[in-house]
Protein backbone atom coordinates (compact mmCIF):
# COMPACT_ATOMS: atom_id res chain seq x y z
CA MET A 1 7.49 48.82 -37.21
CA ASP A 2 3.90 48.59 -38.41
CA CYS A 3 3.44 50.60 -41.64
CA GLN A 4 -0.11 51.78 -42.28
CA VAL A 5 -1.15 53.05 -45.71
CA LYS A 6 -4.03 55.48 -45.88
CA PRO A 7 -6.83 54.37 -48.20
CA GLY A 8 -6.32 57.30 -50.55
CA ASN A 9 -2.51 57.14 -50.69
CA ASP A 10 -2.10 54.91 -53.75
CA GLU A 11 1.49 55.97 -54.47
CA ALA A 12 2.56 54.98 -50.99
CA ARG A 13 0.75 51.69 -51.41
CA ALA A 14 2.62 51.00 -54.66
CA GLU A 15 5.99 51.81 -53.00
CA LEU A 16 5.18 49.50 -50.11
CA ARG A 17 4.51 46.70 -52.60
CA GLY A 18 7.99 47.10 -54.03
CA ALA A 19 9.60 45.74 -50.88
CA ASN A 20 8.75 42.10 -51.69
CA ASP A 21 5.94 42.24 -49.14
CA VAL A 22 3.24 39.94 -50.52
CA THR A 23 0.04 41.01 -48.76
CA ILE A 24 -3.54 41.38 -49.84
CA ASP A 25 -5.23 44.76 -49.51
CA TRP A 26 -8.67 43.63 -48.39
CA GLY A 27 -10.01 47.17 -48.60
CA ILE A 28 -9.29 47.23 -52.33
CA VAL A 29 -10.81 43.76 -52.69
CA GLU A 30 -14.00 44.96 -51.01
CA THR A 31 -14.12 47.99 -53.28
CA ALA A 32 -13.38 46.00 -56.44
CA ILE A 33 -15.95 43.21 -56.01
CA PRO A 34 -19.05 45.26 -56.97
CA LEU A 35 -17.17 47.04 -59.77
CA LEU A 36 -16.05 43.72 -61.26
CA ALA A 37 -19.59 42.40 -60.85
CA ARG A 38 -20.79 45.15 -63.20
CA GLY A 39 -18.13 44.16 -65.69
CA THR A 40 -19.25 40.54 -65.32
CA LEU A 41 -22.80 41.50 -66.31
CA VAL A 42 -21.48 43.21 -69.44
CA THR A 43 -19.38 40.13 -70.27
CA LEU A 44 -22.41 37.86 -69.88
CA LYS A 45 -24.62 40.12 -72.01
CA ILE A 46 -22.01 40.31 -74.77
CA SER A 47 -21.45 36.55 -74.63
CA LEU A 48 -25.20 35.86 -74.78
CA VAL A 49 -25.83 38.06 -77.83
CA ALA A 50 -22.65 36.92 -79.61
CA GLY A 51 -23.44 33.30 -78.75
CA VAL A 52 -26.92 33.46 -80.26
CA LEU A 53 -25.60 35.11 -83.43
CA ALA A 54 -22.72 32.62 -83.66
CA PHE A 55 -25.04 29.65 -83.18
CA VAL A 56 -27.52 30.78 -85.85
CA LEU A 57 -24.81 31.76 -88.35
CA GLY A 58 -22.62 28.73 -87.63
CA PHE A 59 -25.47 26.24 -87.83
CA THR A 60 -26.66 27.78 -91.10
CA LEU A 61 -23.18 27.73 -92.61
CA GLY A 62 -22.59 24.17 -91.43
CA LEU A 63 -25.75 22.93 -93.14
CA CYS A 64 -25.06 24.97 -96.27
CA ALA A 65 -21.61 23.39 -96.42
CA LEU A 66 -23.42 20.11 -97.14
CA SER A 67 -25.21 21.66 -100.11
CA HIS A 68 -24.94 20.28 -103.63
CA MET A 69 -23.90 23.77 -104.84
CA ARG A 70 -20.13 23.64 -105.26
CA THR A 71 -19.71 27.45 -105.30
CA LEU A 72 -21.55 27.76 -101.99
CA ARG A 73 -19.44 25.02 -100.41
CA TRP A 74 -16.23 26.71 -101.58
CA ALA A 75 -17.34 30.11 -100.25
CA ILE A 76 -18.14 28.65 -96.83
CA ALA A 77 -14.88 26.68 -96.78
CA ALA A 78 -12.94 29.89 -97.59
CA TYR A 79 -14.72 31.78 -94.79
CA VAL A 80 -14.07 29.04 -92.24
CA ASP A 81 -10.45 28.70 -93.33
CA PHE A 82 -9.82 32.45 -93.05
CA ILE A 83 -11.42 32.76 -89.61
CA ARG A 84 -9.65 29.70 -88.22
CA GLY A 85 -6.33 30.78 -89.73
CA THR A 86 -6.22 34.31 -88.26
CA PRO A 87 -6.03 35.48 -84.63
CA LEU A 88 -9.23 36.68 -82.99
CA LEU A 89 -7.49 39.87 -81.92
CA ILE A 90 -6.79 40.76 -85.57
CA GLN A 91 -10.42 40.02 -86.44
CA ILE A 92 -11.54 42.43 -83.69
CA PHE A 93 -9.25 45.11 -85.11
CA LEU A 94 -10.59 44.47 -88.62
CA VAL A 95 -14.19 44.97 -87.50
CA PHE A 96 -13.52 47.99 -85.26
CA PHE A 97 -10.76 49.83 -87.12
CA ALA A 98 -10.75 48.59 -90.73
CA LEU A 99 -14.47 48.46 -91.61
CA PRO A 100 -14.98 52.21 -90.93
CA VAL A 101 -12.52 52.89 -93.77
CA ILE A 102 -15.10 51.48 -96.20
CA GLY A 103 -18.00 53.18 -94.43
CA ILE A 104 -19.16 50.40 -92.10
CA ARG A 105 -19.10 51.62 -88.51
CA PHE A 106 -20.00 49.97 -85.23
CA ASP A 107 -19.53 51.17 -81.68
CA GLU A 108 -17.02 49.22 -79.62
CA THR A 109 -19.61 46.92 -78.04
CA TRP A 110 -21.23 45.86 -81.32
CA ALA A 111 -17.86 45.59 -83.03
CA GLY A 112 -16.80 43.17 -80.31
CA ILE A 113 -20.04 41.18 -80.52
CA ILE A 114 -19.78 40.86 -84.30
CA ALA A 115 -16.12 39.82 -84.17
CA LEU A 116 -16.82 37.18 -81.51
CA ALA A 117 -19.86 35.89 -83.39
CA MET A 118 -18.01 35.63 -86.70
CA ASN A 119 -15.07 33.87 -85.08
CA THR A 120 -17.16 31.35 -83.16
CA SER A 121 -19.54 30.73 -86.08
CA ALA A 122 -16.68 29.36 -88.18
CA TYR A 123 -15.87 26.72 -85.56
CA ILE A 124 -19.55 25.89 -85.05
CA ALA A 125 -20.01 25.54 -88.82
CA GLU A 126 -17.19 23.03 -89.01
CA THR A 127 -18.58 21.12 -86.03
CA VAL A 128 -22.05 20.94 -87.58
CA ARG A 129 -20.70 19.97 -91.00
CA GLY A 130 -18.56 17.21 -89.53
CA GLY A 131 -21.30 15.93 -87.23
CA VAL A 132 -24.02 15.75 -89.87
CA GLY A 133 -21.61 14.49 -92.52
CA SER A 134 -20.50 11.62 -90.29
CA ILE A 135 -23.91 9.93 -90.42
CA GLU A 136 -23.80 6.76 -92.47
CA ARG A 137 -24.36 7.57 -96.16
CA GLY A 138 -26.62 4.53 -96.61
CA GLN A 139 -29.34 6.23 -94.55
CA THR A 140 -29.37 9.21 -96.90
CA GLU A 141 -29.57 6.95 -99.93
CA ALA A 142 -32.41 4.95 -98.39
CA ALA A 143 -34.32 8.16 -97.63
CA ARG A 144 -33.87 9.35 -101.22
CA SER A 145 -35.12 6.02 -102.52
CA ILE A 146 -38.49 6.59 -100.83
CA GLY A 147 -38.80 10.10 -102.28
CA MET A 148 -37.63 12.32 -99.40
CA THR A 149 -36.19 15.71 -100.34
CA HIS A 150 -32.79 16.98 -99.20
CA ALA A 151 -34.45 19.24 -96.60
CA GLN A 152 -36.54 16.35 -95.28
CA ILE A 153 -33.49 14.11 -95.03
CA LEU A 154 -31.70 16.79 -92.98
CA ALA A 155 -34.66 17.46 -90.71
CA TYR A 156 -35.86 13.91 -90.08
CA ILE A 157 -32.85 11.66 -90.64
CA LEU A 158 -29.51 13.43 -90.21
CA LEU A 159 -30.04 16.20 -87.65
CA PRO A 160 -31.78 14.07 -84.98
CA GLN A 161 -28.85 11.64 -85.03
CA ALA A 162 -26.13 14.32 -85.20
CA LEU A 163 -27.53 16.64 -82.55
CA ARG A 164 -26.43 14.78 -79.44
CA PRO A 165 -22.80 14.17 -80.58
CA ILE A 166 -22.31 17.81 -81.59
CA VAL A 167 -23.74 19.37 -78.40
CA PRO A 168 -20.52 19.02 -76.32
CA PRO A 169 -18.22 20.64 -78.93
CA LEU A 170 -20.83 23.35 -79.61
CA THR A 171 -21.07 24.31 -75.94
CA ASN A 172 -17.27 24.17 -75.65
CA GLU A 173 -17.02 26.72 -78.45
CA LEU A 174 -19.49 29.00 -76.69
CA ILE A 175 -17.53 28.66 -73.44
CA SER A 176 -14.29 29.49 -75.27
CA MET A 177 -16.00 32.53 -76.77
CA THR A 178 -16.90 33.76 -73.28
CA LYS A 179 -13.24 33.53 -72.25
CA ASN A 180 -12.15 35.21 -75.47
CA SER A 181 -14.46 38.14 -74.73
CA SER A 182 -11.67 39.44 -72.48
CA LEU A 183 -9.88 40.52 -75.68
CA LEU A 184 -12.55 43.19 -76.19
CA SER A 185 -10.80 45.22 -73.50
CA VAL A 186 -8.31 46.30 -76.20
CA ILE A 187 -11.06 48.31 -77.93
CA SER A 188 -12.28 49.75 -74.60
CA VAL A 189 -15.37 47.60 -74.13
CA TYR A 190 -16.08 47.88 -70.42
CA GLU A 191 -16.38 44.16 -69.77
CA LEU A 192 -14.85 42.22 -66.89
CA THR A 193 -11.18 42.51 -67.87
CA ARG A 194 -11.49 46.20 -68.76
CA ALA A 195 -13.17 46.87 -65.41
CA GLY A 196 -10.21 45.26 -63.66
CA GLN A 197 -7.72 47.28 -65.70
CA ALA A 198 -9.55 50.48 -64.76
CA ILE A 199 -9.24 49.64 -61.05
CA ILE A 200 -5.54 48.83 -61.41
CA SER A 201 -4.85 52.11 -63.20
CA VAL A 202 -6.28 54.04 -60.25
CA HIS A 203 -5.14 52.01 -57.24
CA PHE A 204 -1.98 50.25 -58.52
CA VAL A 205 -2.95 46.84 -57.13
CA PRO A 206 -2.44 44.29 -59.92
CA PHE A 207 -2.06 41.27 -57.63
CA GLU A 208 -5.47 41.54 -55.98
CA ILE A 209 -7.34 42.57 -59.12
CA TYR A 210 -5.89 39.99 -61.49
CA LEU A 211 -6.49 37.31 -58.86
CA LEU A 212 -10.10 38.46 -58.56
CA LEU A 213 -10.44 38.46 -62.36
CA ALA A 214 -9.20 34.88 -62.49
CA LEU A 215 -11.74 33.87 -59.83
CA TYR A 216 -14.58 35.65 -61.61
CA TYR A 217 -13.77 33.99 -64.94
CA TYR A 218 -13.35 30.62 -63.24
CA ALA A 219 -16.79 30.92 -61.64
CA ILE A 220 -18.37 31.90 -64.98
CA ILE A 221 -16.74 29.07 -66.91
CA LYS A 222 -17.53 26.44 -64.27
CA THR A 223 -21.16 27.54 -64.28
CA LEU A 224 -21.35 27.36 -68.08
CA SER A 225 -19.65 23.94 -68.03
CA TRP A 226 -22.24 22.66 -65.55
CA ILE A 227 -25.06 23.96 -67.77
CA SER A 228 -23.43 22.27 -70.75
CA ARG A 229 -23.31 18.90 -68.96
CA TRP A 230 -26.91 19.37 -67.79
CA ILE A 231 -28.08 19.95 -71.37
CA GLU A 232 -26.06 17.01 -72.67
CA ASN A 233 -27.47 14.62 -70.07
CA ARG A 234 -31.00 15.57 -71.02
CA MET A 235 -30.55 15.07 -74.74
CA PRO A 236 -32.54 12.08 -76.03
CA ARG A 237 -30.46 9.00 -76.75
CA LEU A 238 -31.13 7.54 -80.18
């Protein structure tokens, strides 16, 4: 007997799924694709803004970690250690729920952007510190012997040599941040994952929607990975 489910009868659809009948509701897929596309745009916008903030903050912290000021180095090391030693989800809750207690309030989108940027900046800072610090010390000493300042040594000696090796781990961190943006659904940011959850809550079709979410994220990450390789291949070889 051929059982037909009316498009609006979501309860009947859910009961039909309980009979171990693995089928794909193509009508729901067709409906979900444009809705998930909107969520994808939000995810990309959040990732772009958070990525820029994380890159600027992380690069600055990484260079400051090479400073001669011991207090500054300790402060940066403590920040990096705390961020790397706590879950991103807890950091999101701290920004969104805890900061308002002391009078610092952000809406859910900016709270998510700030949490992602702070988290990623710690990893970028460590990457930059390690990359620049790995350059042979003799080059720094030679530059000092001819009267170059610390800033000049960074700009003209260390950074040009460190930039190419640190590009792959930097882009990997930004790609990981894009995947981690799915955690913002827990504070009701209407990004890709939250858009999928909203569809599931109405139509009771987790199989199709979570499969679509996986495909959307896979397409995003593969595209970002291709861009990363393209940038790396065009970096000058020293």
